[in-house]
Structures are given as C-alpha cells and as structure tokens.
Protein backbone atom coordinates (compact mmCIF):
# COMPACT_ATOMS: atom_id res chain seq x y z
CA MET A 1 188.41 129.96 246.70
CA ASN A 2 191.67 129.21 248.07
CA GLN A 3 190.72 129.92 251.56
CA ASP A 4 187.22 127.65 251.62
CA LEU A 5 189.46 124.62 250.39
CA ASN A 6 191.43 125.34 253.02
CA ALA A 7 188.61 124.22 254.87
CA TYR A 8 188.35 120.67 253.09
CA PRO A 9 190.22 117.91 255.02
CA ASN A 10 193.78 117.26 252.40
CA PHE A 11 192.11 114.25 250.59
CA ILE A 12 189.45 116.51 249.15
CA GLN A 13 191.47 118.95 248.63
CA ASN A 14 194.52 116.65 246.50
CA ARG A 15 191.18 115.38 244.68
CA GLU A 16 192.94 117.61 241.24
CA ASN A 17 196.20 115.86 242.31
CA ILE A 18 195.01 112.53 241.36
CA ASN A 19 195.97 110.47 239.09
CA PRO A 20 193.98 107.13 237.57
CA ARG A 21 197.98 105.33 236.94
CA ASN A 22 197.96 105.67 240.27
CA LEU A 23 193.95 104.45 242.23
CA ASN A 24 195.47 100.60 242.23
CA ASN A 25 198.64 101.96 244.71
CA MET A 26 195.67 104.02 246.91
CA GLY A 27 193.71 101.80 247.69
CA GLN A 28 196.47 99.62 248.53
CA ASN A 29 198.06 102.04 250.95
CA VAL A 30 194.11 103.37 252.12
CA ASN A 31 193.99 99.31 252.73
CA ALA A 32 197.26 99.67 255.06
CA ASN A 33 196.46 102.76 256.56
CA ALA A 34 192.53 101.87 257.60
CA ASP A 35 193.48 103.73 261.36
CA ALA A 36 194.86 107.60 259.04
CA LEU A 37 191.13 107.93 257.40
CA PRO A 38 188.78 109.68 258.99
CA ASP A 39 185.96 108.83 261.35
CA PHE A 40 183.14 107.84 258.96
CA MET A 41 185.12 105.89 256.81
CA GLN A 42 186.70 103.62 259.58
CA ASP A 43 183.53 100.87 259.83
CA LYS A 44 184.40 97.03 261.34
CA GLU A 45 181.82 95.72 258.94
CA PHE A 46 184.52 96.87 255.94
CA ARG A 47 186.78 95.56 257.68
CA SER A 48 185.16 92.11 258.39
CA GLU A 49 183.94 91.86 255.09
CA ASP A 50 187.57 92.92 253.22
CA ASN A 51 188.25 89.63 255.71
CA ALA A 52 185.81 87.58 254.48
CA GLU A 53 187.21 88.13 250.93
CA THR A 54 190.72 87.31 251.80
CA GLY A 55 190.18 84.22 254.36
CA SER A 56 191.69 85.69 256.94
CA ASN A 57 189.28 86.05 259.94
CA SER A 58 186.79 83.65 258.66
CA ARG A 59 186.48 79.74 257.56
CA PRO A 60 185.72 79.14 253.94
CA MET A 61 182.61 77.91 253.24
CA ASP A 62 184.11 74.87 252.00
CA PHE A 63 185.21 74.69 255.24
CA VAL A 64 181.77 74.69 256.43
CA ARG A 65 180.52 72.23 253.77
CA GLY A 66 182.97 69.88 254.89
CA ILE A 67 181.80 69.42 258.52
CA ILE A 68 178.75 69.06 257.44
CA ASP A 69 179.25 66.39 254.25
CA GLU A 70 181.36 64.46 257.09
CA ASP A 71 178.62 64.19 259.54
CA ASN A 72 176.16 62.93 257.11
CA PHE A 73 178.47 60.60 256.05
CA MET A 74 179.37 59.47 259.84
CA ARG A 75 175.28 59.01 260.21
CA GLY A 76 175.26 56.62 257.08
CA ALA A 77 178.23 54.59 258.44
CA THR A 78 177.24 54.24 261.87
CA SER A 79 174.02 52.45 259.35
CA MET A 80 175.71 50.65 258.14
CA HIS A 81 178.43 49.48 260.61
CA LEU A 82 175.33 48.34 262.10
CA TYR A 83 173.93 46.53 259.23
CA GLU A 84 177.02 44.59 258.56
CA THR A 85 177.79 43.37 262.32
CA VAL A 86 174.76 41.94 262.87
CA ALA A 87 174.60 38.02 262.61
CA ASP A 88 171.43 37.01 261.22
CA ILE A 89 168.76 38.15 258.52
CA VAL A 90 165.24 36.73 258.74
CA HIS A 91 163.64 37.27 254.55
CA ILE A 92 159.82 37.10 254.35
CA LYS A 93 158.37 37.03 251.09
CA MET A 94 154.43 37.42 250.60
CA LEU A 95 153.82 35.94 246.89
CA ARG A 96 150.25 35.85 246.18
CA ASN A 97 149.68 32.56 246.69
CA ASN A 98 152.43 31.05 249.54
CA THR A 99 155.09 32.87 251.82
CA PHE A 100 158.14 31.98 252.90
CA VAL A 101 160.34 33.00 255.34
CA THR A 102 163.91 32.15 255.91
CA VAL A 103 166.52 32.90 258.59
CA THR A 104 170.21 33.43 257.14
CA ASP A 105 173.31 34.65 258.56
CA SER A 106 175.00 37.70 256.90
CA LYS A 107 177.11 35.67 254.83
CA GLY A 108 173.90 34.38 253.27
CA ASN A 109 173.72 31.06 254.69
CA VAL A 110 170.54 29.17 255.07
CA LYS A 111 169.72 28.16 258.74
CA LEU A 112 165.96 27.85 259.37
CA SER A 113 163.31 28.46 256.50
CA GLY A 114 159.51 27.83 256.65
CA SER A 115 156.30 28.26 253.83
CA ALA A 116 152.73 28.32 254.32
CA GLY A 117 152.66 25.04 252.99
CA CYS A 118 154.70 23.33 256.12
CA LEU A 119 151.80 24.10 258.39
CA LYS A 120 149.47 21.39 258.89
CA ASP A 121 146.06 23.52 259.49
CA ILE A 122 146.87 25.07 256.20
CA LYS A 123 145.36 23.46 253.07
CA SER A 124 146.41 23.92 250.34
CA GLY A 125 144.62 26.34 247.39
CA GLY A 126 143.43 29.74 248.88
CA GLN A 127 144.12 29.12 251.88
CA LYS A 128 147.72 29.86 251.38
CA PHE A 129 147.70 33.14 250.30
CA SER A 130 145.20 34.48 253.10
CA ARG A 131 145.92 36.80 255.91
CA TYR A 132 146.51 34.54 258.57
CA ALA A 133 148.52 32.20 256.21
CA GLU A 134 151.39 35.45 256.76
CA GLU A 135 150.93 36.13 260.63
CA ALA A 136 150.59 31.83 260.80
CA THR A 137 154.03 31.26 258.70
CA ALA A 138 155.55 34.59 260.42
CA GLU A 139 154.70 32.93 263.98
CA VAL A 140 155.74 28.32 263.71
CA VAL A 141 159.38 30.32 262.23
CA GLY A 142 159.79 32.76 264.99
CA ARG A 143 159.18 29.59 267.35
CA ARG A 144 161.49 27.72 265.61
CA ALA A 145 164.20 30.57 265.75
CA ARG A 146 164.44 30.15 269.54
CA ALA A 147 166.76 27.46 269.35
CA LEU A 148 169.44 29.17 267.71
CA GLY A 149 169.42 32.01 270.33
CA LEU A 150 168.68 34.78 268.09
CA LYS A 151 169.55 37.65 269.87
CA SER A 152 169.57 40.74 267.37
CA VAL A 153 167.77 40.20 263.92
CA VAL A 154 167.51 42.29 260.45
CA MET A 155 163.70 41.98 259.07
CA LYS A 156 163.81 41.80 254.96
CA VAL A 157 160.04 41.64 253.88
CA ASN A 158 158.87 41.46 250.08
CA GLY A 159 156.22 41.05 248.26
CA PHE A 160 154.21 43.77 246.12
CA THR A 161 150.69 44.09 249.20
CA HIS A 162 150.55 46.68 251.48
CA PHE A 163 152.75 47.59 254.70
CA ARG A 164 150.31 47.30 257.02
CA ARG A 165 150.34 42.69 255.99
CA LYS A 166 153.71 43.22 256.37
CA ARG A 167 154.18 44.68 259.47
CA GLN A 168 151.57 42.07 260.92
CA ALA A 169 154.02 39.61 259.56
CA ILE A 170 156.90 40.83 261.13
CA LEU A 171 155.07 41.40 264.84
CA SER A 172 154.21 37.26 264.37
CA TRP A 173 157.65 36.39 263.73
CA ARG A 174 158.51 38.60 266.75
CA GLU A 175 156.00 37.20 269.45
CA GLY A 176 156.99 33.59 268.18
CA LEU A 177 160.60 34.55 268.86
CA THR A 178 159.69 35.98 272.30
CA ALA A 179 156.58 34.33 273.36
CA ASP A 180 158.42 32.78 276.71
CA SER A 181 160.95 35.52 277.42
CA ARG A 182 160.27 38.05 279.69
CA GLY A 183 162.40 41.08 277.98
CA ASP A 184 161.46 44.20 277.03
CA ARG A 185 164.09 44.49 274.35
CA SER A 186 163.05 44.00 270.60
CA PRO A 187 165.17 41.40 269.04
CA ILE A 188 164.78 43.44 265.96
CA VAL A 189 167.30 46.06 265.05
CA PHE A 190 166.34 46.93 261.14
CA VAL A 191 163.66 46.29 259.08
CA GLU A 192 163.65 46.68 254.94
CA ASP A 193 161.14 46.67 252.44
CA THR A 194 163.04 45.43 249.93
CA THR A 195 160.36 45.11 246.95
CA ARG A 196 161.54 46.43 244.05
CA LYS A 197 159.31 49.05 242.42
CA PRO A 198 159.53 49.32 238.28
CA HIS A 199 160.47 52.79 237.71
CA ASN A 200 157.95 53.14 234.64
CA GLY A 201 156.49 49.50 234.28
CA CYS A 202 154.66 47.81 231.55
CA ARG A 203 153.56 48.52 228.38
CA LEU A 204 149.92 49.74 229.06
CA PRO A 205 147.72 48.49 226.60
CA LYS A 206 145.69 50.95 224.19
CA LYS A 207 142.70 52.83 225.22
CA ARG A 208 139.41 51.56 222.75
CA ARG A 209 138.72 53.09 220.25
CA ILE A 210 134.90 54.20 219.90
C-alpha cells in the first residue's frame, strides 16, 4: 500500500494528516503559492474570478454605474441648459372657443400676444374655435414677432385637442415668422406640450339600473 501511495503527488499522500482547523490557512497558502500547484489546478479563470471578488484587477460595478448615471445627467443638463439659454418662449393655448398666442422672454415678461378675436375676418361665435382660426391666429402673431428679431424660440402648446392641430398651429406661426426670410434654419429649437392630464380623472356617472 505504501508503494502505491508513493506514486501519487505529495498533497494526496498527506491527506490523512490534514487538520480541519488548518483548512483556512491551507487555503491562504494555496492562493499565495498558486504557482506551486499542479498544472491542472493553475487555472487563469480561477485567478481572474478571485481578483474580481477582491477588486484588484477589475473595476467595481459601482464605478460603471456611476459612469452611466453621469452620462444620463450630462444629457439632461445639456437639454436644460439649451432650454434656459433660449431668450424667448411662445405659448399657444388652444381652448374650445378661442386660441391665445403669447410671446414672452425667459423670465415670463410678455412681449407680444394675440387671440382669435383680434382677427378682423373672424367673427364672434363658432368661427373662433374653427381650425382656420387657430392657424390664422398663430400666423398673425408670427408676423408681428418679426419686429422683435426672434432667432430661436421654445414652443409651448396647451390644449385638450389632437396634437395634429397643435402641430399645424406651430407650423403656421413659423411660416408667419419666416415668410420673407431666406434662411433654411428653423427658429424653433424645442417643442413642449404643457397640457395637464389627470392621473385618475373625474368620477364617472353611475351605471343605469335596468
């Protein structure tokens, strides 16, 4: 039996002399002297995983998450910086029976305003809330805004209607502002829909009992 044991490596021959109390120390010695292990135990992936746990050769996940969060923050900060540096804001409020267009600066001071009632060819009544009234009001205010020398504006639309009608009002205002200009650059740098939508809404009527 002793002759057969001599054919095995030393760590197998000494299996009977292993003390359970010294297992931790043995593990530390194996990690410290990894080059002394046999070839089949010298695994590079084993070393890389051990180093990943200790954080010696790999970046922690917190560092990677920090980079991602910083990138998202910089993108949001860039858009907010562009939003704040724009000098003028155009508010288009589309109600059921009227349309209001107001041009203000970044502090909220009114520079120019107009409504559907200011148009001469639109009479009071049902013509105020027509589609033509919305587009005509936006175009007239856009023409008046040429004298202000607006180069870049932020559009804020408000109203419980389809965005298609809001889009037509925005395009009409832009056409009124850039009707005689030859530049291809659009003065609108940002569009925001400021319509407030209820999370739950009003209480529905009770169902009819039959």
